[in-house]
Amino acid sequence: MINVISRKPNRVMIDARYIQHKTSGIGRYTQHIITQLLDLDPRLQLELVTHPSRPNPIEHERVRCQVFR
């Protein structure tokens, strides 16, 4: 059995449209999940699909946002 460790960053896309200025329970939950994922894996890169009212809900060097229109 060969163990291979990838050096490439992991990329995940998350629907973060519920993170708005008036955040709902789902929005808060999503926001906490995102911050915890970033803390858990230093190679993780996130792409967020965001709401136009809050185009950049999380500012982090490993997070890119795309506004859903």
C-alpha atoms as a PDB file:
ATOM      1  CA  MET A   1       0.000   0.000   0.000  1.00  0.00           C
ATOM      2  CA  ILE A   2       1.357   3.401  -1.012  1.00  0.00           C
ATOM      3  CA  ASN A   3       0.545   6.489   1.019  1.00  0.00           C
ATOM      4  CA  VAL A   4       0.445   9.614  -1.094  1.00  0.00           C
ATOM      5  CA  ILE A   5       0.137  13.021   0.519  1.00  0.00           C
ATOM      6  CA  SER A   6      -1.030  15.713  -1.839  1.00  0.00           C
ATOM      7  CA  ARG A   7       0.785  19.031  -1.651  1.00  0.00           C
ATOM      8  CA  LYS A   8      -1.879  20.747  -3.725  1.00  0.00           C
ATOM      9  CA  PRO A   9      -4.399  22.966  -1.945  1.00  0.00           C
ATOM     10  CA  ASN A  10      -7.876  21.568  -1.453  1.00  0.00           C
ATOM     11  CA  ARG A  11     -10.609  23.665  -3.039  1.00  0.00           C
ATOM     12  CA  VAL A  12     -14.201  23.680  -1.877  1.00  0.00           C
ATOM     13  CA  MET A  13     -17.124  25.790  -3.066  1.00  0.00           C
ATOM     14  CA  ILE A  14     -19.764  26.740  -0.490  1.00  0.00           C
ATOM     15  CA  ASP A  15     -23.144  28.397  -0.981  1.00  0.00           C
ATOM     16  CA  ALA A  16     -22.869  31.343   1.423  1.00  0.00           C
ATOM     17  CA  ARG A  17     -25.881  33.323   0.169  1.00  0.00           C
ATOM     18  CA  TYR A  18     -27.553  33.114   3.589  1.00  0.00           C
ATOM     19  CA  ILE A  19     -24.741  35.153   5.140  1.00  0.00           C
ATOM     20  CA  GLN A  20     -26.312  38.605   4.780  1.00  0.00           C
ATOM     21  CA  HIS A  21     -26.361  41.804   6.843  1.00  0.00           C
ATOM     22  CA  LYS A  22     -29.356  40.455   8.753  1.00  0.00           C
ATOM     23  CA  THR A  23     -28.040  36.941   9.229  1.00  0.00           C
ATOM     24  CA  SER A  24     -30.433  34.053   9.726  1.00  0.00           C
ATOM     25  CA  GLY A  25     -29.725  30.903  11.719  1.00  0.00           C
ATOM     26  CA  ILE A  26     -28.576  29.145   8.551  1.00  0.00           C
ATOM     27  CA  GLY A  27     -26.316  32.107   7.734  1.00  0.00           C
ATOM     28  CA  ARG A  28     -24.664  32.059  11.159  1.00  0.00           C
ATOM     29  CA  TYR A  29     -24.229  28.292  10.944  1.00  0.00           C
ATOM     30  CA  THR A  30     -22.638  28.600   7.491  1.00  0.00           C
ATOM     31  CA  GLN A  31     -20.324  31.366   8.680  1.00  0.00           C
ATOM     32  CA  HIS A  32     -19.134  29.276  11.636  1.00  0.00           C
ATOM     33  CA  ILE A  33     -18.586  26.214   9.449  1.00  0.00           C
ATOM     34  CA  ILE A  34     -16.448  28.284   7.068  1.00  0.00           C
ATOM     35  CA  THR A  35     -14.248  29.697   9.829  1.00  0.00           C
ATOM     36  CA  GLN A  36     -13.827  26.262  11.430  1.00  0.00           C
ATOM     37  CA  LEU A  37     -12.877  24.650   8.102  1.00  0.00           C
ATOM     38  CA  LEU A  38     -10.222  27.316   7.551  1.00  0.00           C
ATOM     39  CA  ASP A  39      -8.823  26.654  11.036  1.00  0.00           C
ATOM     40  CA  LEU A  40      -8.747  22.882  10.505  1.00  0.00           C
ATOM     41  CA  ASP A  41      -6.903  22.708   7.190  1.00  0.00           C
ATOM     42  CA  PRO A  42      -4.195  25.238   6.280  1.00  0.00           C
ATOM     43  CA  ARG A  43      -4.227  24.006   2.649  1.00  0.00           C
ATOM     44  CA  LEU A  44      -7.946  24.526   2.199  1.00  0.00           C
ATOM     45  CA  GLN A  45      -9.058  27.206  -0.256  1.00  0.00           C
ATOM     46  CA  LEU A  46     -12.706  28.199  -0.293  1.00  0.00           C
ATOM     47  CA  GLU A  47     -14.810  29.730  -3.017  1.00  0.00           C
ATOM     48  CA  LEU A  48     -18.022  31.232  -1.720  1.00  0.00           C
ATOM     49  CA  VAL A  49     -21.171  31.933  -3.698  1.00  0.00           C
ATOM     50  CA  THR A  50     -22.471  35.059  -1.966  1.00  0.00           C
ATOM     51  CA  HIS A  51     -25.559  37.282  -1.846  1.00  0.00           C
ATOM     52  CA  PRO A  52     -25.357  40.706  -3.568  1.00  0.00           C
ATOM     53  CA  SER A  53     -26.156  42.474  -0.276  1.00  0.00           C
ATOM     54  CA  ARG A  54     -22.968  41.074   1.261  1.00  0.00           C
ATOM     55  CA  PRO A  55     -20.513  40.215  -1.533  1.00  0.00           C
ATOM     56  CA  ASN A  56     -17.535  39.507   0.785  1.00  0.00           C
ATOM     57  CA  PRO A  57     -18.916  38.104   4.043  1.00  0.00           C
ATOM     58  CA  ILE A  58     -15.614  36.557   5.118  1.00  0.00           C
ATOM     59  CA  GLU A  59     -12.308  38.245   4.463  1.00  0.00           C
ATOM     60  CA  HIS A  60      -9.504  35.716   4.481  1.00  0.00           C
ATOM     61  CA  GLU A  61      -6.499  35.114   2.254  1.00  0.00           C
ATOM     62  CA  ARG A  62      -7.773  31.653   1.312  1.00  0.00           C
ATOM     63  CA  VAL A  63     -11.338  32.716   0.483  1.00  0.00           C
ATOM     64  CA  ARG A  64     -12.618  33.972  -2.867  1.00  0.00           C
ATOM     65  CA  CYS A  65     -16.162  35.185  -3.344  1.00  0.00           C
ATOM     66  CA  GLN A  66     -18.478  35.131  -6.353  1.00  0.00           C
ATOM     67  CA  VAL A  67     -21.718  37.084  -6.174  1.00  0.00           C
ATOM     68  CA  PHE A  68     -24.804  35.150  -7.239  1.00  0.00           C
ATOM     69  CA  ARG A  69     -27.061  37.260  -9.462  1.00  0.00           C
END
